[in-house]
Amino acid sequence: MWCLAITGPPGAGKSTLARKVVEELKKAGLKVCGTSCPDVREGGRRVGFLIVDVEDGSRAWLARVDCEGPRVGRYKLCPGAEEVGVRALSKDCDVYLIDEIGPMELKLPKLREAMLRVVSGNKPFVAVYHARLRDEEFLRALSRCHKIFVTKDTREEAWKEALEALSSFSP
């Protein structure tokens, strides 16, 4: 079973690399489903994060400073995020994307369960994970994957490594 695990410090280019890998998979005619959690900025200042279904584009706020849910850092989790994420990861696909496995996503029990089901399963996936991930279940599941550590200085090398990993992919 093929999987690619991408990690590195914030702002290194992990999500960009994952997006490029997904584009290559789609060009090969594969159906990719899953989640992406981009940040949202207003006036150059981060105000929160969305959770987006990468197949159909449906979205919800994952976390904002003004939501009502549990706090993670300076943000609070928002209602509706879990539903979008679980639905996206429950679809029948050729390859799954999880961007990212981080503190906010892991704080939502049903989303955590859906992400763990994907990374522990038998379907191919691409996962971006927080560099300080300490969750043993996820670390164990990701240990079977080809890992790429991205930094601002190694983005080009990381892309070459991802292309090499893609060359060994067979659906």
N, C-alpha and C. Protein backbone atom coordinates (compact mmCIF):
# COMPACT_ATOMS: atom_id res chain seq x y z
N MET A 1 0.84 -1.18 0.00
CA MET A 1 0.00 0.00 0.00
C MET A 1 0.89 1.25 0.00
N TRP A 2 0.57 2.19 -0.87
CA TRP A 2 1.38 3.39 -1.05
C TRP A 2 0.87 4.52 -0.17
N CYS A 3 1.78 5.22 0.50
CA CYS A 3 1.40 6.43 1.22
C CYS A 3 2.60 7.36 1.31
N LEU A 4 2.28 8.63 1.39
CA LEU A 4 3.28 9.68 1.46
C LEU A 4 2.95 10.56 2.66
N ALA A 5 3.92 10.74 3.56
CA ALA A 5 3.73 11.56 4.76
C ALA A 5 4.67 12.75 4.67
N ILE A 6 4.10 13.95 4.72
CA ILE A 6 4.86 15.19 4.55
C ILE A 6 4.83 15.96 5.86
N THR A 7 6.00 16.37 6.34
CA THR A 7 6.07 17.16 7.56
C THR A 7 7.16 18.22 7.43
N GLY A 8 7.23 19.08 8.43
CA GLY A 8 8.21 20.15 8.45
C GLY A 8 7.68 21.30 9.28
N PRO A 9 8.47 22.35 9.44
CA PRO A 9 8.04 23.48 10.26
C PRO A 9 6.93 24.29 9.58
N PRO A 10 6.21 25.12 10.34
CA PRO A 10 5.18 25.98 9.75
C PRO A 10 5.77 26.87 8.66
N GLY A 11 5.03 27.01 7.56
CA GLY A 11 5.45 27.88 6.47
C GLY A 11 6.51 27.30 5.56
N ALA A 12 6.83 26.01 5.73
CA ALA A 12 7.89 25.39 4.94
C ALA A 12 7.45 25.03 3.52
N GLY A 13 6.13 24.83 3.33
CA GLY A 13 5.64 24.43 2.02
C GLY A 13 5.03 23.04 2.00
N LYS A 14 4.64 22.53 3.16
CA LYS A 14 4.05 21.19 3.25
C LYS A 14 2.76 21.09 2.44
N SER A 15 1.86 22.02 2.64
CA SER A 15 0.57 21.98 1.94
C SER A 15 0.74 22.20 0.44
N THR A 16 1.66 23.07 0.07
CA THR A 16 1.93 23.30 -1.35
C THR A 16 2.44 22.02 -2.00
N LEU A 17 3.35 21.33 -1.33
CA LEU A 17 3.86 20.07 -1.86
C LEU A 17 2.74 19.04 -1.98
N ALA A 18 1.90 18.94 -0.96
CA ALA A 18 0.78 17.99 -1.01
C ALA A 18 -0.15 18.32 -2.17
N ARG A 19 -0.43 19.61 -2.39
CA ARG A 19 -1.29 20.03 -3.51
C ARG A 19 -0.69 19.62 -4.85
N LYS A 20 0.61 19.79 -5.00
CA LYS A 20 1.29 19.42 -6.25
C LYS A 20 1.22 17.90 -6.47
N VAL A 21 1.38 17.13 -5.41
CA VAL A 21 1.27 15.67 -5.52
C VAL A 21 -0.14 15.28 -5.93
N VAL A 22 -1.15 15.91 -5.31
CA VAL A 22 -2.55 15.62 -5.65
C VAL A 22 -2.83 15.97 -7.11
N GLU A 23 -2.30 17.09 -7.60
CA GLU A 23 -2.48 17.46 -9.01
C GLU A 23 -1.93 16.37 -9.93
N GLU A 24 -0.78 15.82 -9.59
CA GLU A 24 -0.19 14.74 -10.40
C GLU A 24 -1.07 13.50 -10.37
N LEU A 25 -1.61 13.16 -9.21
CA LEU A 25 -2.49 12.00 -9.09
C LEU A 25 -3.75 12.19 -9.92
N LYS A 26 -4.31 13.40 -9.89
CA LYS A 26 -5.51 13.69 -10.68
C LYS A 26 -5.21 13.63 -12.17
N LYS A 27 -4.04 14.13 -12.58
CA LYS A 27 -3.64 14.06 -13.99
C LYS A 27 -3.58 12.61 -14.47
N ALA A 28 -3.25 11.70 -13.55
CA ALA A 28 -3.17 10.28 -13.87
C ALA A 28 -4.55 9.63 -13.87
N GLY A 29 -5.61 10.44 -13.65
CA GLY A 29 -6.98 9.93 -13.71
C GLY A 29 -7.50 9.35 -12.41
N LEU A 30 -6.83 9.62 -11.32
CA LEU A 30 -7.26 9.08 -10.03
C LEU A 30 -8.20 10.03 -9.31
N LYS A 31 -9.16 9.45 -8.61
CA LYS A 31 -10.09 10.23 -7.81
C LYS A 31 -9.47 10.46 -6.44
N VAL A 32 -9.29 11.73 -6.08
CA VAL A 32 -8.69 12.09 -4.79
C VAL A 32 -9.76 12.75 -3.92
N CYS A 33 -9.89 12.25 -2.71
CA CYS A 33 -10.83 12.81 -1.74
C CYS A 33 -10.07 13.11 -0.46
N GLY A 34 -10.67 13.95 0.37
CA GLY A 34 -10.06 14.23 1.65
C GLY A 34 -10.24 15.67 2.06
N THR A 35 -9.32 16.12 2.91
CA THR A 35 -9.47 17.45 3.50
C THR A 35 -8.20 18.28 3.37
N SER A 36 -8.43 19.57 3.31
CA SER A 36 -7.37 20.57 3.36
C SER A 36 -7.83 21.61 4.38
N CYS A 37 -6.90 22.14 5.15
CA CYS A 37 -7.26 23.11 6.20
C CYS A 37 -6.45 24.40 6.06
N PRO A 38 -6.78 25.20 5.04
CA PRO A 38 -6.02 26.44 4.82
C PRO A 38 -6.34 27.50 5.87
N ASP A 39 -5.37 28.37 6.10
CA ASP A 39 -5.64 29.49 6.99
C ASP A 39 -6.36 30.59 6.22
N VAL A 40 -7.05 31.44 6.95
CA VAL A 40 -7.79 32.56 6.36
C VAL A 40 -7.23 33.84 6.96
N ARG A 41 -6.91 34.77 6.09
CA ARG A 41 -6.33 36.04 6.55
C ARG A 41 -7.21 37.20 6.13
N GLU A 42 -7.29 38.17 7.00
CA GLU A 42 -8.00 39.42 6.71
C GLU A 42 -7.03 40.55 7.01
N GLY A 43 -6.75 41.36 6.02
CA GLY A 43 -5.80 42.45 6.21
C GLY A 43 -4.42 41.96 6.60
N GLY A 44 -4.02 40.80 6.09
CA GLY A 44 -2.71 40.25 6.39
C GLY A 44 -2.60 39.53 7.71
N ARG A 45 -3.69 39.51 8.48
CA ARG A 45 -3.67 38.87 9.80
C ARG A 45 -4.51 37.60 9.77
N ARG A 46 -3.97 36.51 10.30
CA ARG A 46 -4.70 35.24 10.33
C ARG A 46 -5.86 35.34 11.30
N VAL A 47 -7.06 34.98 10.80
CA VAL A 47 -8.26 35.03 11.65
C VAL A 47 -8.82 33.64 11.94
N GLY A 48 -8.30 32.62 11.26
CA GLY A 48 -8.79 31.28 11.50
C GLY A 48 -8.38 30.32 10.41
N PHE A 49 -9.05 29.15 10.44
CA PHE A 49 -8.76 28.08 9.49
C PHE A 49 -10.07 27.49 8.98
N LEU A 50 -10.10 27.13 7.72
CA LEU A 50 -11.23 26.41 7.14
C LEU A 50 -10.89 24.93 7.10
N ILE A 51 -11.92 24.09 6.95
CA ILE A 51 -11.72 22.71 6.56
C ILE A 51 -12.48 22.55 5.25
N VAL A 52 -11.79 22.07 4.22
CA VAL A 52 -12.35 22.02 2.87
C VAL A 52 -12.33 20.58 2.37
N ASP A 53 -13.45 20.13 1.81
CA ASP A 53 -13.53 18.84 1.13
C ASP A 53 -12.88 19.04 -0.24
N VAL A 54 -11.75 18.37 -0.48
CA VAL A 54 -10.99 18.63 -1.71
C VAL A 54 -11.67 18.09 -2.96
N GLU A 55 -12.66 17.22 -2.79
CA GLU A 55 -13.35 16.71 -3.98
C GLU A 55 -14.47 17.63 -4.43
N ASP A 56 -15.32 18.07 -3.50
CA ASP A 56 -16.49 18.86 -3.93
C ASP A 56 -16.43 20.33 -3.51
N GLY A 57 -15.40 20.71 -2.76
CA GLY A 57 -15.24 22.12 -2.39
C GLY A 57 -16.07 22.58 -1.20
N SER A 58 -16.90 21.70 -0.63
CA SER A 58 -17.68 22.14 0.53
C SER A 58 -16.71 22.48 1.67
N ARG A 59 -17.13 23.42 2.51
CA ARG A 59 -16.22 23.93 3.53
C ARG A 59 -16.96 24.41 4.75
N ALA A 60 -16.22 24.50 5.83
CA ALA A 60 -16.74 25.06 7.09
C ALA A 60 -15.55 25.64 7.83
N TRP A 61 -15.84 26.52 8.76
CA TRP A 61 -14.77 27.02 9.62
C TRP A 61 -14.31 25.89 10.52
N LEU A 62 -13.01 25.65 10.56
CA LEU A 62 -12.43 24.69 11.50
C LEU A 62 -12.21 25.39 12.84
N ALA A 63 -11.61 26.56 12.79
CA ALA A 63 -11.31 27.30 14.02
C ALA A 63 -11.20 28.78 13.72
N ARG A 64 -11.67 29.57 14.68
CA ARG A 64 -11.59 31.03 14.60
C ARG A 64 -11.38 31.55 16.01
N VAL A 65 -10.99 32.78 16.10
CA VAL A 65 -10.85 33.37 17.43
C VAL A 65 -12.21 33.53 18.11
N ASP A 66 -13.28 33.65 17.32
CA ASP A 66 -14.60 33.94 17.89
C ASP A 66 -15.58 32.77 17.83
N CYS A 67 -15.11 31.52 17.67
CA CYS A 67 -16.02 30.37 17.71
C CYS A 67 -16.28 29.96 19.16
N GLU A 68 -17.21 29.05 19.34
CA GLU A 68 -17.67 28.68 20.68
C GLU A 68 -17.04 27.40 21.24
N GLY A 69 -16.30 26.65 20.42
CA GLY A 69 -15.81 25.34 20.85
C GLY A 69 -14.56 25.38 21.71
N PRO A 70 -13.97 24.20 21.91
CA PRO A 70 -12.75 24.10 22.72
C PRO A 70 -11.61 24.93 22.12
N ARG A 71 -10.77 25.46 22.98
CA ARG A 71 -9.65 26.30 22.55
C ARG A 71 -8.45 25.44 22.17
N VAL A 72 -7.80 25.83 21.06
CA VAL A 72 -6.52 25.26 20.64
C VAL A 72 -5.64 26.45 20.31
N GLY A 73 -4.69 26.76 21.18
CA GLY A 73 -3.89 27.96 21.00
C GLY A 73 -4.77 29.19 21.13
N ARG A 74 -4.68 30.11 20.17
CA ARG A 74 -5.51 31.32 20.25
C ARG A 74 -6.86 31.16 19.55
N TYR A 75 -7.12 29.99 19.00
CA TYR A 75 -8.37 29.75 18.25
C TYR A 75 -9.29 28.82 19.01
N LYS A 76 -10.58 28.91 18.66
CA LYS A 76 -11.57 27.99 19.21
C LYS A 76 -12.17 27.22 18.05
N LEU A 77 -12.43 25.93 18.28
CA LEU A 77 -12.99 25.08 17.23
C LEU A 77 -14.44 25.45 16.96
N CYS A 78 -14.84 25.29 15.71
CA CYS A 78 -16.17 25.72 15.26
C CYS A 78 -17.07 24.52 14.97
N PRO A 79 -18.39 24.67 15.26
CA PRO A 79 -19.33 23.61 14.91
C PRO A 79 -19.41 23.49 13.39
N GLY A 80 -19.61 22.28 12.91
CA GLY A 80 -19.73 22.06 11.46
C GLY A 80 -18.46 21.55 10.83
N ALA A 81 -17.31 21.82 11.45
CA ALA A 81 -16.03 21.38 10.89
C ALA A 81 -15.93 19.86 10.85
N GLU A 82 -16.34 19.25 11.93
CA GLU A 82 -16.22 17.80 12.04
C GLU A 82 -17.04 17.10 10.95
N GLU A 83 -18.24 17.61 10.71
CA GLU A 83 -19.12 17.00 9.70
C GLU A 83 -18.49 17.05 8.31
N VAL A 84 -17.94 18.18 7.92
CA VAL A 84 -17.31 18.32 6.60
C VAL A 84 -16.13 17.36 6.48
N GLY A 85 -15.29 17.30 7.51
CA GLY A 85 -14.11 16.44 7.47
C GLY A 85 -14.44 14.97 7.43
N VAL A 86 -15.36 14.53 8.27
CA VAL A 86 -15.73 13.12 8.32
C VAL A 86 -16.36 12.70 6.99
N ARG A 87 -17.23 13.53 6.44
CA ARG A 87 -17.87 13.21 5.16
C ARG A 87 -16.82 13.08 4.05
N ALA A 88 -15.87 14.01 4.01
CA ALA A 88 -14.83 13.99 2.97
C ALA A 88 -13.96 12.73 3.06
N LEU A 89 -13.68 12.29 4.27
CA LEU A 89 -12.81 11.13 4.45
C LEU A 89 -13.56 9.80 4.41
N SER A 90 -14.88 9.86 4.28
CA SER A 90 -15.70 8.64 4.22
C SER A 90 -16.08 8.28 2.79
N LYS A 91 -15.72 9.11 1.83
CA LYS A 91 -16.05 8.84 0.43
C LYS A 91 -15.19 7.70 -0.11
N ASP A 92 -15.67 7.09 -1.19
CA ASP A 92 -14.91 6.03 -1.85
C ASP A 92 -14.01 6.68 -2.89
N CYS A 93 -12.71 6.60 -2.70
CA CYS A 93 -11.74 7.27 -3.57
C CYS A 93 -10.59 6.34 -3.90
N ASP A 94 -9.80 6.76 -4.88
CA ASP A 94 -8.57 6.03 -5.20
C ASP A 94 -7.45 6.39 -4.23
N VAL A 95 -7.40 7.67 -3.87
CA VAL A 95 -6.35 8.19 -2.98
C VAL A 95 -6.98 9.22 -2.06
N TYR A 96 -6.53 9.24 -0.81
CA TYR A 96 -7.02 10.23 0.16
C TYR A 96 -5.94 11.27 0.45
N LEU A 97 -6.40 12.48 0.75
CA LEU A 97 -5.52 13.56 1.20
C LEU A 97 -5.99 13.99 2.59
N ILE A 98 -5.04 14.10 3.52
CA ILE A 98 -5.32 14.70 4.82
C ILE A 98 -4.29 15.81 5.01
N ASP A 99 -4.76 17.04 5.01
CA ASP A 99 -3.86 18.19 5.18
C ASP A 99 -4.50 19.15 6.19
N GLU A 100 -4.31 19.01 7.47
CA GLU A 100 -3.21 18.30 8.07
C GLU A 100 -3.66 17.54 9.29
N ILE A 101 -2.78 16.69 9.78
CA ILE A 101 -3.00 16.04 11.07
C ILE A 101 -2.29 16.92 12.09
N GLY A 102 -3.06 17.76 12.76
CA GLY A 102 -2.49 18.72 13.70
C GLY A 102 -3.36 18.84 14.94
N PRO A 103 -2.99 19.70 15.87
CA PRO A 103 -3.70 19.82 17.14
C PRO A 103 -5.19 20.13 17.01
N MET A 104 -5.56 21.01 16.07
CA MET A 104 -6.97 21.37 15.93
C MET A 104 -7.78 20.19 15.42
N GLU A 105 -7.28 19.54 14.37
CA GLU A 105 -8.00 18.41 13.76
C GLU A 105 -8.13 17.25 14.75
N LEU A 106 -7.08 17.01 15.53
CA LEU A 106 -7.09 15.90 16.49
C LEU A 106 -8.01 16.16 17.68
N LYS A 107 -8.37 17.40 17.92
CA LYS A 107 -9.24 17.75 19.05
C LYS A 107 -10.71 17.41 18.76
N LEU A 108 -11.04 17.15 17.49
CA LEU A 108 -12.41 16.79 17.11
C LEU A 108 -12.49 15.26 17.03
N PRO A 109 -13.18 14.60 17.99
CA PRO A 109 -13.13 13.13 18.10
C PRO A 109 -13.53 12.36 16.85
N LYS A 110 -14.62 12.76 16.20
CA LYS A 110 -15.06 12.03 15.01
C LYS A 110 -14.11 12.25 13.83
N LEU A 111 -13.56 13.44 13.72
CA LEU A 111 -12.59 13.71 12.66
C LEU A 111 -11.30 12.93 12.93
N ARG A 112 -10.87 12.89 14.18
CA ARG A 112 -9.68 12.11 14.54
C ARG A 112 -9.87 10.66 14.13
N GLU A 113 -11.04 10.11 14.45
CA GLU A 113 -11.35 8.72 14.12
C GLU A 113 -11.32 8.50 12.61
N ALA A 114 -11.91 9.42 11.84
CA ALA A 114 -11.92 9.30 10.37
C ALA A 114 -10.51 9.38 9.80
N MET A 115 -9.68 10.29 10.33
CA MET A 115 -8.30 10.40 9.85
C MET A 115 -7.51 9.13 10.19
N LEU A 116 -7.70 8.60 11.39
CA LEU A 116 -6.99 7.39 11.80
C LEU A 116 -7.41 6.20 10.94
N ARG A 117 -8.69 6.14 10.59
CA ARG A 117 -9.18 5.07 9.72
C ARG A 117 -8.46 5.11 8.37
N VAL A 118 -8.28 6.31 7.82
CA VAL A 118 -7.59 6.44 6.52
C VAL A 118 -6.12 6.03 6.65
N VAL A 119 -5.40 6.58 7.63
CA VAL A 119 -3.96 6.31 7.70
C VAL A 119 -3.64 4.89 8.18
N SER A 120 -4.62 4.21 8.77
CA SER A 120 -4.42 2.83 9.20
C SER A 120 -4.97 1.83 8.19
N GLY A 121 -5.65 2.33 7.18
CA GLY A 121 -6.33 1.46 6.22
C GLY A 121 -5.43 0.97 5.10
N ASN A 122 -6.09 0.44 4.06
CA ASN A 122 -5.37 -0.16 2.94
C ASN A 122 -5.43 0.66 1.67
N LYS A 123 -6.02 1.85 1.72
CA LYS A 123 -6.09 2.71 0.53
C LYS A 123 -4.90 3.67 0.54
N PRO A 124 -4.40 4.03 -0.64
CA PRO A 124 -3.30 5.00 -0.72
C PRO A 124 -3.72 6.37 -0.17
N PHE A 125 -2.74 7.07 0.42
CA PHE A 125 -3.05 8.41 0.93
C PHE A 125 -1.80 9.28 0.95
N VAL A 126 -2.07 10.59 0.98
CA VAL A 126 -1.05 11.61 1.20
C VAL A 126 -1.46 12.33 2.47
N ALA A 127 -0.56 12.41 3.44
CA ALA A 127 -0.89 13.08 4.70
C ALA A 127 0.17 14.12 5.03
N VAL A 128 -0.30 15.30 5.40
CA VAL A 128 0.56 16.34 5.93
C VAL A 128 0.37 16.30 7.44
N TYR A 129 1.47 16.27 8.17
CA TYR A 129 1.29 16.24 9.62
C TYR A 129 2.18 17.26 10.31
N HIS A 130 1.66 17.74 11.42
CA HIS A 130 2.31 18.75 12.25
C HIS A 130 3.66 18.21 12.71
N ALA A 131 4.69 19.02 12.61
CA ALA A 131 6.06 18.58 12.95
C ALA A 131 6.18 18.13 14.40
N ARG A 132 5.32 18.62 15.26
CA ARG A 132 5.39 18.24 16.68
C ARG A 132 4.33 17.19 17.04
N LEU A 133 3.83 16.46 16.05
CA LEU A 133 2.84 15.41 16.31
C LEU A 133 3.42 14.39 17.29
N ARG A 134 2.66 14.10 18.35
CA ARG A 134 3.11 13.14 19.37
C ARG A 134 2.11 12.01 19.56
N ASP A 135 1.04 11.99 18.80
CA ASP A 135 0.01 10.96 18.93
C ASP A 135 0.57 9.63 18.44
N GLU A 136 0.74 8.67 19.35
CA GLU A 136 1.39 7.39 19.02
C GLU A 136 0.65 6.60 17.95
N GLU A 137 -0.69 6.62 17.97
CA GLU A 137 -1.45 5.87 16.96
C GLU A 137 -1.15 6.39 15.56
N PHE A 138 -1.13 7.71 15.42
CA PHE A 138 -0.85 8.30 14.11
C PHE A 138 0.61 8.08 13.71
N LEU A 139 1.52 8.26 14.64
CA LEU A 139 2.94 8.07 14.33
C LEU A 139 3.20 6.63 13.88
N ARG A 140 2.57 5.67 14.53
CA ARG A 140 2.72 4.26 14.15
C ARG A 140 2.18 4.03 12.74
N ALA A 141 0.99 4.56 12.47
CA ALA A 141 0.38 4.37 11.14
C ALA A 141 1.22 5.05 10.05
N LEU A 142 1.75 6.23 10.34
CA LEU A 142 2.54 6.97 9.35
C LEU A 142 3.94 6.39 9.16
N SER A 143 4.39 5.55 10.08
CA SER A 143 5.75 5.01 9.99
C SER A 143 5.92 4.11 8.77
N ARG A 144 4.84 3.61 8.20
CA ARG A 144 4.94 2.74 7.01
C ARG A 144 5.02 3.54 5.71
N CYS A 145 4.90 4.86 5.80
CA CYS A 145 4.86 5.72 4.62
C CYS A 145 6.25 6.22 4.22
N HIS A 146 6.35 6.62 2.96
CA HIS A 146 7.52 7.37 2.52
C HIS A 146 7.38 8.76 3.15
N LYS A 147 8.40 9.18 3.91
CA LYS A 147 8.33 10.48 4.60
C LYS A 147 9.17 11.52 3.89
N ILE A 148 8.64 12.72 3.80
CA ILE A 148 9.39 13.86 3.26
C ILE A 148 9.34 14.97 4.30
N PHE A 149 10.52 15.43 4.71
CA PHE A 149 10.63 16.56 5.64
C PHE A 149 10.96 17.80 4.80
N VAL A 150 10.05 18.77 4.79
CA VAL A 150 10.20 19.96 3.96
C VAL A 150 10.64 21.15 4.81
N THR A 151 11.58 21.92 4.30
CA THR A 151 11.92 23.21 4.89
C THR A 151 11.90 24.23 3.75
N LYS A 152 11.96 25.50 4.10
CA LYS A 152 12.00 26.53 3.06
C LYS A 152 13.18 26.32 2.12
N ASP A 153 14.28 25.80 2.65
CA ASP A 153 15.49 25.61 1.85
C ASP A 153 15.48 24.33 1.03
N THR A 154 14.56 23.39 1.33
CA THR A 154 14.58 22.10 0.63
C THR A 154 13.33 21.86 -0.22
N ARG A 155 12.60 22.90 -0.54
CA ARG A 155 11.35 22.73 -1.29
C ARG A 155 11.57 22.02 -2.63
N GLU A 156 12.58 22.44 -3.39
CA GLU A 156 12.84 21.83 -4.70
C GLU A 156 13.23 20.36 -4.56
N GLU A 157 14.10 20.07 -3.61
CA GLU A 157 14.51 18.69 -3.37
C GLU A 157 13.31 17.85 -2.92
N ALA A 158 12.45 18.44 -2.10
CA ALA A 158 11.26 17.73 -1.63
C ALA A 158 10.34 17.39 -2.79
N TRP A 159 10.20 18.30 -3.76
CA TRP A 159 9.35 18.04 -4.93
C TRP A 159 9.95 16.89 -5.75
N LYS A 160 11.26 16.90 -5.93
CA LYS A 160 11.92 15.80 -6.66
C LYS A 160 11.71 14.47 -5.94
N GLU A 161 11.82 14.50 -4.62
CA GLU A 161 11.60 13.29 -3.83
C GLU A 161 10.15 12.81 -3.94
N ALA A 162 9.21 13.75 -3.95
CA ALA A 162 7.80 13.40 -4.11
C ALA A 162 7.55 12.77 -5.48
N LEU A 163 8.15 13.33 -6.52
CA LEU A 163 8.00 12.76 -7.87
C LEU A 163 8.56 11.34 -7.91
N GLU A 164 9.67 11.13 -7.24
CA GLU A 164 10.25 9.79 -7.18
C GLU A 164 9.30 8.83 -6.45
N ALA A 165 8.72 9.29 -5.35
CA ALA A 165 7.76 8.47 -4.60
C ALA A 165 6.54 8.17 -5.47
N LEU A 166 6.09 9.16 -6.24
CA LEU A 166 4.95 8.95 -7.13
C LEU A 166 5.25 7.91 -8.20
N SER A 167 6.50 7.82 -8.63
CA SER A 167 6.85 6.86 -9.68
C SER A 167 6.65 5.41 -9.21
N SER A 168 6.65 5.19 -7.90
CA SER A 168 6.43 3.84 -7.38
C SER A 168 4.95 3.56 -7.09
N PHE A 169 4.10 4.55 -7.36
CA PHE A 169 2.66 4.39 -7.07
C PHE A 169 1.98 3.58 -8.16
N SER A 170 1.20 2.59 -7.74
CA SER A 170 0.34 1.88 -8.69
C SER A 170 -0.99 1.62 -8.00
N PRO A 171 -2.07 2.15 -8.59
CA PRO A 171 -3.38 2.04 -7.93
C PRO A 171 -3.88 0.60 -7.82
